[in-house]
N, C-alpha and C. Protein backbone atom coordinates (compact mmCIF):
# COMPACT_ATOMS: atom_id res chain seq x y z
N MET A 1 198.36 120.33 -57.98
CA MET A 1 198.91 120.01 -56.70
C MET A 1 197.84 119.48 -55.76
N LYS A 2 196.64 120.07 -55.86
CA LYS A 2 195.56 119.61 -55.00
C LYS A 2 195.19 118.18 -55.33
N LYS A 3 195.23 117.83 -56.62
CA LYS A 3 194.89 116.46 -57.00
C LYS A 3 195.94 115.50 -56.46
N LEU A 4 197.20 115.89 -56.55
CA LEU A 4 198.25 115.03 -56.06
C LEU A 4 198.14 114.85 -54.55
N SER A 5 197.83 115.90 -53.82
CA SER A 5 197.66 115.81 -52.37
C SER A 5 196.48 114.90 -52.02
N PHE A 6 195.42 115.01 -52.78
CA PHE A 6 194.24 114.18 -52.54
C PHE A 6 194.58 112.70 -52.79
N VAL A 7 195.29 112.39 -53.86
CA VAL A 7 195.68 111.02 -54.19
C VAL A 7 196.58 110.47 -53.10
N LEU A 8 197.55 111.26 -52.62
CA LEU A 8 198.42 110.82 -51.55
C LEU A 8 197.64 110.55 -50.27
N LEU A 9 196.69 111.43 -49.98
CA LEU A 9 195.86 111.25 -48.78
C LEU A 9 195.06 109.94 -48.87
N VAL A 10 194.47 109.65 -50.02
CA VAL A 10 193.70 108.42 -50.22
C VAL A 10 194.60 107.20 -50.08
N LEU A 11 195.79 107.24 -50.66
CA LEU A 11 196.73 106.11 -50.56
C LEU A 11 197.15 105.87 -49.12
N VAL A 12 197.41 106.94 -48.38
CA VAL A 12 197.80 106.80 -46.98
C VAL A 12 196.66 106.18 -46.17
N LEU A 13 195.42 106.65 -46.40
CA LEU A 13 194.27 106.11 -45.65
C LEU A 13 194.04 104.63 -45.97
N PHE A 14 194.05 104.28 -47.24
CA PHE A 14 193.84 102.87 -47.60
C PHE A 14 195.01 102.00 -47.14
N GLY A 15 196.21 102.54 -47.26
CA GLY A 15 197.39 101.81 -46.79
C GLY A 15 197.33 101.56 -45.30
N ALA A 16 196.90 102.53 -44.53
CA ALA A 16 196.79 102.38 -43.07
C ALA A 16 195.71 101.37 -42.71
N ALA A 17 194.62 101.38 -43.45
CA ALA A 17 193.53 100.44 -43.18
C ALA A 17 193.99 99.01 -43.45
N SER A 18 194.74 98.80 -44.51
CA SER A 18 195.17 97.44 -44.82
C SER A 18 196.23 96.96 -43.83
N VAL A 19 197.02 97.86 -43.26
CA VAL A 19 197.99 97.47 -42.25
C VAL A 19 197.27 97.00 -41.00
N PHE A 20 196.20 97.69 -40.58
CA PHE A 20 195.45 97.29 -39.39
C PHE A 20 194.68 95.98 -39.65
N ALA A 21 194.18 95.77 -40.84
CA ALA A 21 193.42 94.56 -41.17
C ALA A 21 194.31 93.32 -41.11
N ALA A 22 195.59 93.47 -41.33
CA ALA A 22 196.51 92.34 -41.31
C ALA A 22 196.82 91.89 -39.88
N ASN A 23 196.40 92.61 -38.86
CA ASN A 23 196.68 92.27 -37.47
C ASN A 23 195.52 91.52 -36.83
N SER A 24 195.07 90.43 -37.43
CA SER A 24 194.01 89.61 -36.86
C SER A 24 194.41 88.15 -36.95
N SER A 25 193.79 87.31 -36.11
CA SER A 25 194.05 85.88 -36.18
C SER A 25 192.79 85.13 -35.79
N SER A 26 192.77 83.87 -36.12
CA SER A 26 191.60 83.02 -35.84
C SER A 26 192.05 81.78 -35.09
N THR A 27 191.12 81.15 -34.40
CA THR A 27 191.38 79.87 -33.74
C THR A 27 190.14 79.00 -33.86
N THR A 28 190.32 77.72 -33.71
CA THR A 28 189.20 76.78 -33.72
C THR A 28 189.12 76.16 -32.33
N ILE A 29 187.96 76.22 -31.71
CA ILE A 29 187.80 75.56 -30.42
C ILE A 29 187.28 74.14 -30.69
N THR A 30 187.72 73.20 -29.86
CA THR A 30 187.32 71.81 -30.06
C THR A 30 186.91 71.17 -28.74
N ALA A 31 186.11 70.17 -28.84
CA ALA A 31 185.73 69.35 -27.68
C ALA A 31 185.71 67.90 -28.13
N THR A 32 186.40 67.03 -27.44
CA THR A 32 186.41 65.61 -27.75
C THR A 32 185.61 64.89 -26.66
N ILE A 33 184.51 64.29 -27.06
CA ILE A 33 183.63 63.58 -26.14
C ILE A 33 183.89 62.08 -26.29
N PRO A 34 184.36 61.44 -25.23
CA PRO A 34 184.60 59.99 -25.33
C PRO A 34 183.30 59.21 -25.16
N PRO A 35 183.31 57.93 -25.49
CA PRO A 35 182.13 57.10 -25.18
C PRO A 35 181.93 57.09 -23.66
N MET A 36 180.69 57.26 -23.25
CA MET A 36 180.39 57.31 -21.82
C MET A 36 179.19 56.43 -21.50
N ALA A 37 179.19 55.90 -20.29
CA ALA A 37 178.06 55.12 -19.80
C ALA A 37 178.02 55.23 -18.29
N SER A 38 176.82 55.30 -17.74
CA SER A 38 176.66 55.30 -16.29
C SER A 38 175.39 54.53 -15.95
N VAL A 39 175.34 54.03 -14.73
CA VAL A 39 174.19 53.23 -14.30
C VAL A 39 173.56 53.86 -13.07
N THR A 40 172.23 53.85 -13.06
CA THR A 40 171.46 54.24 -11.89
C THR A 40 170.61 53.03 -11.52
N SER A 41 170.76 52.56 -10.29
CA SER A 41 170.07 51.35 -9.87
C SER A 41 169.20 51.63 -8.66
N ASP A 42 167.98 51.08 -8.67
CA ASP A 42 167.17 51.12 -7.46
C ASP A 42 167.00 49.71 -6.88
N LEU A 43 167.94 48.81 -7.26
CA LEU A 43 167.91 47.48 -6.66
C LEU A 43 168.24 47.64 -5.18
N PRO A 44 167.35 47.22 -4.30
CA PRO A 44 167.58 47.42 -2.87
C PRO A 44 168.63 46.44 -2.34
N PRO A 45 169.23 46.75 -1.21
CA PRO A 45 170.18 45.80 -0.61
C PRO A 45 169.53 44.46 -0.27
N SER A 46 168.25 44.50 0.06
CA SER A 46 167.49 43.29 0.34
C SER A 46 166.08 43.49 -0.20
N ALA A 47 165.57 42.49 -0.92
CA ALA A 47 164.25 42.61 -1.55
C ALA A 47 163.36 41.47 -1.09
N PRO A 48 162.48 41.71 -0.12
CA PRO A 48 161.59 40.64 0.33
C PRO A 48 160.55 40.32 -0.74
N ILE A 49 160.28 39.03 -0.91
CA ILE A 49 159.25 38.62 -1.87
C ILE A 49 157.94 38.37 -1.13
N ASP A 50 156.86 38.44 -1.86
CA ASP A 50 155.54 38.14 -1.31
C ASP A 50 155.33 36.64 -1.40
N ILE A 51 155.49 35.92 -0.27
CA ILE A 51 155.42 34.46 -0.30
C ILE A 51 154.03 33.93 -0.63
N ASN A 52 153.02 34.80 -0.63
CA ASN A 52 151.67 34.39 -1.02
C ASN A 52 151.42 34.61 -2.50
N GLY A 53 152.31 35.35 -3.16
CA GLY A 53 152.16 35.63 -4.58
C GLY A 53 153.01 34.70 -5.41
N SER A 54 153.20 35.09 -6.67
CA SER A 54 154.01 34.26 -7.57
C SER A 54 155.10 35.05 -8.28
N SER A 55 155.15 36.37 -8.06
CA SER A 55 156.23 37.17 -8.63
C SER A 55 156.36 38.47 -7.85
N THR A 56 157.58 39.00 -7.84
CA THR A 56 157.86 40.26 -7.16
C THR A 56 158.84 41.06 -8.00
N LEU A 57 158.52 42.33 -8.22
CA LEU A 57 159.46 43.23 -8.88
C LEU A 57 160.60 43.51 -7.90
N ILE A 58 161.80 43.11 -8.26
CA ILE A 58 162.96 43.30 -7.39
C ILE A 58 163.45 44.74 -7.49
N GLY A 59 163.49 45.29 -8.69
CA GLY A 59 163.95 46.66 -8.88
C GLY A 59 164.26 46.94 -10.33
N THR A 60 164.74 48.15 -10.59
CA THR A 60 165.06 48.57 -11.95
C THR A 60 166.47 49.14 -12.01
N MET A 61 167.01 49.15 -13.22
CA MET A 61 168.32 49.75 -13.48
C MET A 61 168.20 50.56 -14.77
N THR A 62 168.80 51.75 -14.77
CA THR A 62 168.80 52.59 -15.97
C THR A 62 170.24 52.85 -16.38
N PHE A 63 170.52 52.67 -17.65
CA PHE A 63 171.84 52.88 -18.21
C PHE A 63 171.80 54.08 -19.14
N ALA A 64 172.60 55.08 -18.84
CA ALA A 64 172.72 56.26 -19.69
C ALA A 64 174.00 56.11 -20.50
N THR A 65 173.88 56.21 -21.80
CA THR A 65 175.04 56.07 -22.67
C THR A 65 174.91 57.00 -23.86
N ASN A 66 176.04 57.41 -24.39
CA ASN A 66 176.03 58.28 -25.58
C ASN A 66 176.47 57.51 -26.82
N THR A 67 176.44 56.18 -26.74
CA THR A 67 176.85 55.38 -27.88
C THR A 67 175.72 54.45 -28.33
N THR A 68 175.84 53.98 -29.54
CA THR A 68 174.94 52.96 -30.07
C THR A 68 175.74 51.68 -30.15
N GLY A 69 175.15 50.61 -29.70
CA GLY A 69 175.87 49.34 -29.75
C GLY A 69 175.06 48.22 -29.16
N THR A 70 175.73 47.12 -28.92
CA THR A 70 175.10 45.95 -28.32
C THR A 70 175.63 45.79 -26.91
N TRP A 71 174.70 45.59 -25.99
CA TRP A 71 175.02 45.47 -24.57
C TRP A 71 174.73 44.06 -24.11
N ASN A 72 175.64 43.48 -23.35
CA ASN A 72 175.47 42.15 -22.80
C ASN A 72 175.07 42.29 -21.33
N ILE A 73 173.93 41.72 -20.97
CA ILE A 73 173.41 41.80 -19.60
C ILE A 73 173.51 40.38 -19.01
N VAL A 74 174.22 40.24 -17.90
CA VAL A 74 174.42 38.93 -17.27
C VAL A 74 173.83 38.98 -15.87
N ILE A 75 173.04 37.95 -15.54
CA ILE A 75 172.49 37.80 -14.20
C ILE A 75 173.14 36.59 -13.55
N HIS A 76 173.68 36.81 -12.37
CA HIS A 76 174.37 35.76 -11.62
C HIS A 76 173.67 35.55 -10.28
N SER A 77 173.46 34.29 -9.91
CA SER A 77 172.89 33.92 -8.62
C SER A 77 173.99 33.27 -7.79
N GLN A 78 174.18 33.77 -6.59
CA GLN A 78 175.19 33.19 -5.69
C GLN A 78 174.87 31.73 -5.36
N ASN A 79 173.56 31.40 -5.26
CA ASN A 79 173.14 30.06 -4.87
C ASN A 79 172.54 29.26 -6.03
N GLN A 80 172.92 29.58 -7.24
CA GLN A 80 172.46 28.86 -8.44
C GLN A 80 170.94 28.79 -8.55
N GLY A 81 170.27 29.90 -8.27
CA GLY A 81 168.83 30.01 -8.52
C GLY A 81 167.92 29.51 -7.42
N VAL A 82 168.44 29.38 -6.21
CA VAL A 82 167.58 29.03 -5.07
C VAL A 82 167.91 29.97 -3.92
N MET A 83 166.88 30.27 -3.13
CA MET A 83 167.11 30.97 -1.87
C MET A 83 167.35 29.87 -0.84
N LYS A 84 168.47 29.97 -0.13
CA LYS A 84 168.81 28.97 0.88
C LYS A 84 168.43 29.47 2.26
N GLY A 85 168.01 28.53 3.11
CA GLY A 85 167.65 28.86 4.48
C GLY A 85 168.86 29.32 5.28
N ASP A 86 168.64 30.34 6.13
CA ASP A 86 169.73 30.81 7.00
C ASP A 86 170.09 29.75 8.04
N ALA A 87 169.09 29.15 8.65
CA ALA A 87 169.33 28.16 9.71
C ALA A 87 169.80 26.83 9.13
N ASN A 88 169.31 26.49 7.95
CA ASN A 88 169.68 25.23 7.32
C ASN A 88 169.79 25.47 5.82
N SER A 89 171.02 25.56 5.33
CA SER A 89 171.22 25.88 3.92
C SER A 89 170.82 24.73 2.99
N ASP A 90 170.45 23.58 3.56
CA ASP A 90 169.94 22.47 2.74
C ASP A 90 168.48 22.71 2.34
N ASN A 91 167.82 23.67 3.01
CA ASN A 91 166.44 24.01 2.65
C ASN A 91 166.48 25.07 1.54
N HIS A 92 165.78 24.79 0.45
CA HIS A 92 165.82 25.66 -0.73
C HIS A 92 164.44 26.13 -1.13
N TYR A 93 164.34 27.42 -1.44
CA TYR A 93 163.11 27.99 -2.01
C TYR A 93 163.48 28.38 -3.45
N PRO A 94 163.06 27.59 -4.45
CA PRO A 94 163.46 27.85 -5.84
C PRO A 94 162.72 29.06 -6.44
N TYR A 95 163.36 29.67 -7.40
CA TYR A 95 162.75 30.79 -8.12
C TYR A 95 163.39 30.87 -9.50
N THR A 96 162.77 31.65 -10.37
CA THR A 96 163.35 31.98 -11.68
C THR A 96 163.37 33.50 -11.79
N MET A 97 163.99 33.99 -12.84
CA MET A 97 164.14 35.44 -13.01
C MET A 97 163.66 35.87 -14.38
N THR A 98 162.92 36.97 -14.40
CA THR A 98 162.49 37.58 -15.65
C THR A 98 163.18 38.94 -15.75
N LEU A 99 163.76 39.20 -16.91
CA LEU A 99 164.43 40.47 -17.19
C LEU A 99 163.66 41.19 -18.29
N LEU A 100 163.18 42.39 -17.97
CA LEU A 100 162.37 43.15 -18.91
C LEU A 100 163.09 44.42 -19.33
N LEU A 101 163.06 44.72 -20.62
CA LEU A 101 163.47 46.03 -21.11
C LEU A 101 162.24 46.91 -20.97
N THR A 102 162.36 48.02 -20.24
CA THR A 102 161.19 48.88 -20.02
C THR A 102 161.30 50.21 -20.74
N PHE A 103 162.49 50.59 -21.20
CA PHE A 103 162.69 51.82 -21.97
C PHE A 103 163.89 51.61 -22.87
N PRO A 104 163.86 51.99 -24.11
CA PRO A 104 162.90 52.82 -24.83
C PRO A 104 161.69 52.07 -25.36
N SER A 105 161.67 50.75 -25.19
CA SER A 105 160.51 49.97 -25.62
C SER A 105 160.27 48.90 -24.55
N SER A 106 159.21 48.13 -24.73
CA SER A 106 158.91 47.04 -23.79
C SER A 106 159.23 45.72 -24.47
N GLU A 107 160.08 44.94 -23.81
CA GLU A 107 160.49 43.67 -24.39
C GLU A 107 160.94 42.75 -23.26
N THR A 108 160.61 41.47 -23.36
CA THR A 108 161.10 40.49 -22.39
C THR A 108 162.43 39.96 -22.91
N LEU A 109 163.51 40.22 -22.15
CA LEU A 109 164.83 39.75 -22.55
C LEU A 109 165.12 38.34 -22.03
N LEU A 110 164.65 38.05 -20.82
CA LEU A 110 164.71 36.70 -20.25
C LEU A 110 163.36 36.43 -19.61
N ASN A 111 162.79 35.25 -19.86
CA ASN A 111 161.47 34.93 -19.32
C ASN A 111 161.57 33.72 -18.40
N LYS A 112 161.40 33.96 -17.10
CA LYS A 112 161.41 32.90 -16.09
C LYS A 112 162.62 31.99 -16.27
N ALA A 113 163.78 32.62 -16.36
CA ALA A 113 165.02 31.87 -16.57
C ALA A 113 165.53 31.30 -15.25
N SER A 114 165.89 30.02 -15.28
CA SER A 114 166.52 29.39 -14.13
C SER A 114 167.93 29.93 -14.02
N LEU A 115 168.35 30.27 -12.81
CA LEU A 115 169.69 30.81 -12.60
C LEU A 115 170.65 29.77 -12.06
N ASP A 116 170.45 28.50 -12.47
CA ASP A 116 171.39 27.46 -12.06
C ASP A 116 172.78 27.74 -12.61
N THR A 117 172.84 28.47 -13.71
CA THR A 117 174.09 29.02 -14.25
C THR A 117 173.80 30.48 -14.61
N ASP A 118 174.85 31.26 -14.85
CA ASP A 118 174.65 32.65 -15.25
C ASP A 118 173.82 32.69 -16.53
N LYS A 119 172.90 33.65 -16.58
CA LYS A 119 172.08 33.84 -17.77
C LYS A 119 172.41 35.20 -18.38
N SER A 120 172.42 35.24 -19.70
CA SER A 120 172.74 36.51 -20.36
C SER A 120 171.70 36.82 -21.42
N ALA A 121 171.57 38.10 -21.67
CA ALA A 121 170.68 38.61 -22.71
C ALA A 121 171.40 39.79 -23.35
N THR A 122 170.99 40.14 -24.56
CA THR A 122 171.60 41.29 -25.23
C THR A 122 170.55 42.32 -25.57
N TYR A 123 170.99 43.56 -25.60
CA TYR A 123 170.15 44.67 -26.05
C TYR A 123 171.00 45.49 -27.02
N THR A 124 170.43 45.80 -28.17
CA THR A 124 171.11 46.63 -29.16
C THR A 124 170.33 47.92 -29.34
N GLY A 125 171.02 49.03 -29.18
CA GLY A 125 170.37 50.33 -29.35
C GLY A 125 171.32 51.45 -28.99
N GLY A 126 170.80 52.64 -29.05
CA GLY A 126 171.58 53.82 -28.70
C GLY A 126 170.87 54.63 -27.65
N GLY A 127 171.62 55.35 -26.86
CA GLY A 127 171.03 56.19 -25.83
C GLY A 127 170.65 55.37 -24.62
N PRO A 128 169.91 55.98 -23.70
CA PRO A 128 169.59 55.31 -22.44
C PRO A 128 168.62 54.14 -22.63
N PHE A 129 168.74 53.18 -21.69
CA PHE A 129 167.77 52.08 -21.65
C PHE A 129 167.58 51.65 -20.20
N SER A 130 166.40 51.09 -19.92
CA SER A 130 166.06 50.68 -18.55
C SER A 130 165.65 49.23 -18.52
N LEU A 131 166.00 48.57 -17.40
CA LEU A 131 165.70 47.16 -17.20
C LEU A 131 164.93 46.98 -15.89
N ALA A 132 164.06 46.00 -15.86
CA ALA A 132 163.35 45.62 -14.63
C ALA A 132 163.66 44.16 -14.35
N LEU A 133 163.90 43.86 -13.09
CA LEU A 133 164.23 42.51 -12.65
C LEU A 133 163.07 41.99 -11.81
N VAL A 134 162.50 40.84 -12.21
CA VAL A 134 161.34 40.26 -11.54
C VAL A 134 161.67 38.83 -11.11
N ALA A 135 161.45 38.52 -9.84
CA ALA A 135 161.59 37.15 -9.34
C ALA A 135 160.25 36.44 -9.50
N ASP A 136 160.30 35.23 -10.05
CA ASP A 136 159.11 34.40 -10.24
C ASP A 136 159.28 33.14 -9.40
N TYR A 137 158.20 32.70 -8.71
CA TYR A 137 158.30 31.58 -7.78
C TYR A 137 156.91 31.04 -7.49
N LEU A 138 156.85 29.93 -6.82
CA LEU A 138 155.57 29.39 -6.35
C LEU A 138 155.24 30.02 -4.99
N PRO A 139 153.96 30.22 -4.72
CA PRO A 139 153.60 30.64 -3.36
C PRO A 139 154.11 29.59 -2.36
N ALA A 140 154.53 30.04 -1.19
CA ALA A 140 155.11 29.13 -0.20
C ALA A 140 154.16 27.98 0.14
N THR A 141 152.86 28.22 0.13
CA THR A 141 151.90 27.17 0.48
C THR A 141 151.74 26.15 -0.65
N SER A 142 152.28 26.42 -1.83
CA SER A 142 152.17 25.49 -2.96
C SER A 142 153.36 24.55 -3.07
N ILE A 143 154.36 24.75 -2.23
CA ILE A 143 155.55 23.90 -2.28
C ILE A 143 155.32 22.71 -1.35
N ALA A 144 155.50 21.50 -1.91
CA ALA A 144 155.32 20.29 -1.10
C ALA A 144 156.64 19.53 -1.05
N PRO A 145 157.06 19.11 0.09
CA PRO A 145 156.47 19.42 1.39
C PRO A 145 156.70 20.90 1.72
N LEU A 146 155.91 21.40 2.66
CA LEU A 146 156.04 22.81 3.05
C LEU A 146 157.45 23.10 3.54
N LEU A 147 157.92 24.27 3.20
CA LEU A 147 159.26 24.68 3.63
C LEU A 147 159.29 24.90 5.14
N PRO A 148 160.38 24.50 5.80
CA PRO A 148 160.50 24.76 7.23
C PRO A 148 160.59 26.27 7.48
N PRO A 149 160.16 26.72 8.66
CA PRO A 149 160.27 28.14 8.98
C PRO A 149 161.74 28.56 8.97
N ASP A 150 162.04 29.63 8.27
CA ASP A 150 163.41 30.12 8.14
C ASP A 150 163.36 31.39 7.29
N THR A 151 164.47 32.06 7.21
CA THR A 151 164.63 33.16 6.26
C THR A 151 165.49 32.62 5.12
N TYR A 152 164.97 32.72 3.91
CA TYR A 152 165.64 32.18 2.72
C TYR A 152 166.23 33.34 1.93
N ARG A 153 167.48 33.15 1.44
CA ARG A 153 168.18 34.25 0.76
C ARG A 153 168.99 33.75 -0.43
N ASP A 154 169.18 34.68 -1.36
CA ASP A 154 170.14 34.50 -2.45
C ASP A 154 170.62 35.90 -2.82
N VAL A 155 171.80 36.00 -3.35
CA VAL A 155 172.36 37.28 -3.82
C VAL A 155 172.38 37.25 -5.34
N ILE A 156 171.75 38.25 -5.94
CA ILE A 156 171.68 38.38 -7.40
C ILE A 156 172.60 39.52 -7.81
N THR A 157 173.42 39.28 -8.82
CA THR A 157 174.28 40.32 -9.38
C THR A 157 173.93 40.51 -10.84
N VAL A 158 173.70 41.76 -11.25
CA VAL A 158 173.42 42.09 -12.64
C VAL A 158 174.60 42.89 -13.17
N SER A 159 175.18 42.42 -14.26
CA SER A 159 176.33 43.08 -14.89
C SER A 159 175.95 43.46 -16.32
N VAL A 160 176.40 44.65 -16.74
CA VAL A 160 176.16 45.10 -18.11
C VAL A 160 177.50 45.53 -18.69
N SER A 161 177.78 45.05 -19.91
CA SER A 161 179.01 45.44 -20.60
C SER A 161 178.71 45.58 -22.08
N SER A 162 179.53 46.36 -22.76
CA SER A 162 179.33 46.53 -24.20
C SER A 162 180.03 45.40 -24.94
N LEU A 163 179.43 44.99 -26.04
CA LEU A 163 180.04 43.94 -26.88
C LEU A 163 180.79 44.56 -28.03
């Protein structure tokens, strides 16, 4: 009788344990990350050039992205690559534009490109990348005939899109 009681006790204990073990469940947590890109720009609203020099760093732009691909960079000049005089828009101070990749490597994407039409360059890579925009021009004293006194301006727009 003692053996039978012991066997029944063991069966009840194991049976109870298996009943409690069956009361569990699992789940899988997920996160879906879409392609993302953002831009940080230090291009100023107005960038004065050094009229005694021959080039001026206009500013930089950094693109943060979580994708690998090819990026199309387009530079547009409102005045087709010349700064026009405020007082007389017939007076032109010509310039060209250099576009440099500064991160993750150093590379010239556009070298002294005339902006008479939109100019484009491509960059292929993954992760963040940075660009520098440089205006190239003749010193004001080297332009013949000398430019009339005035403030000369152009608006530059830089656009980046994925291909």
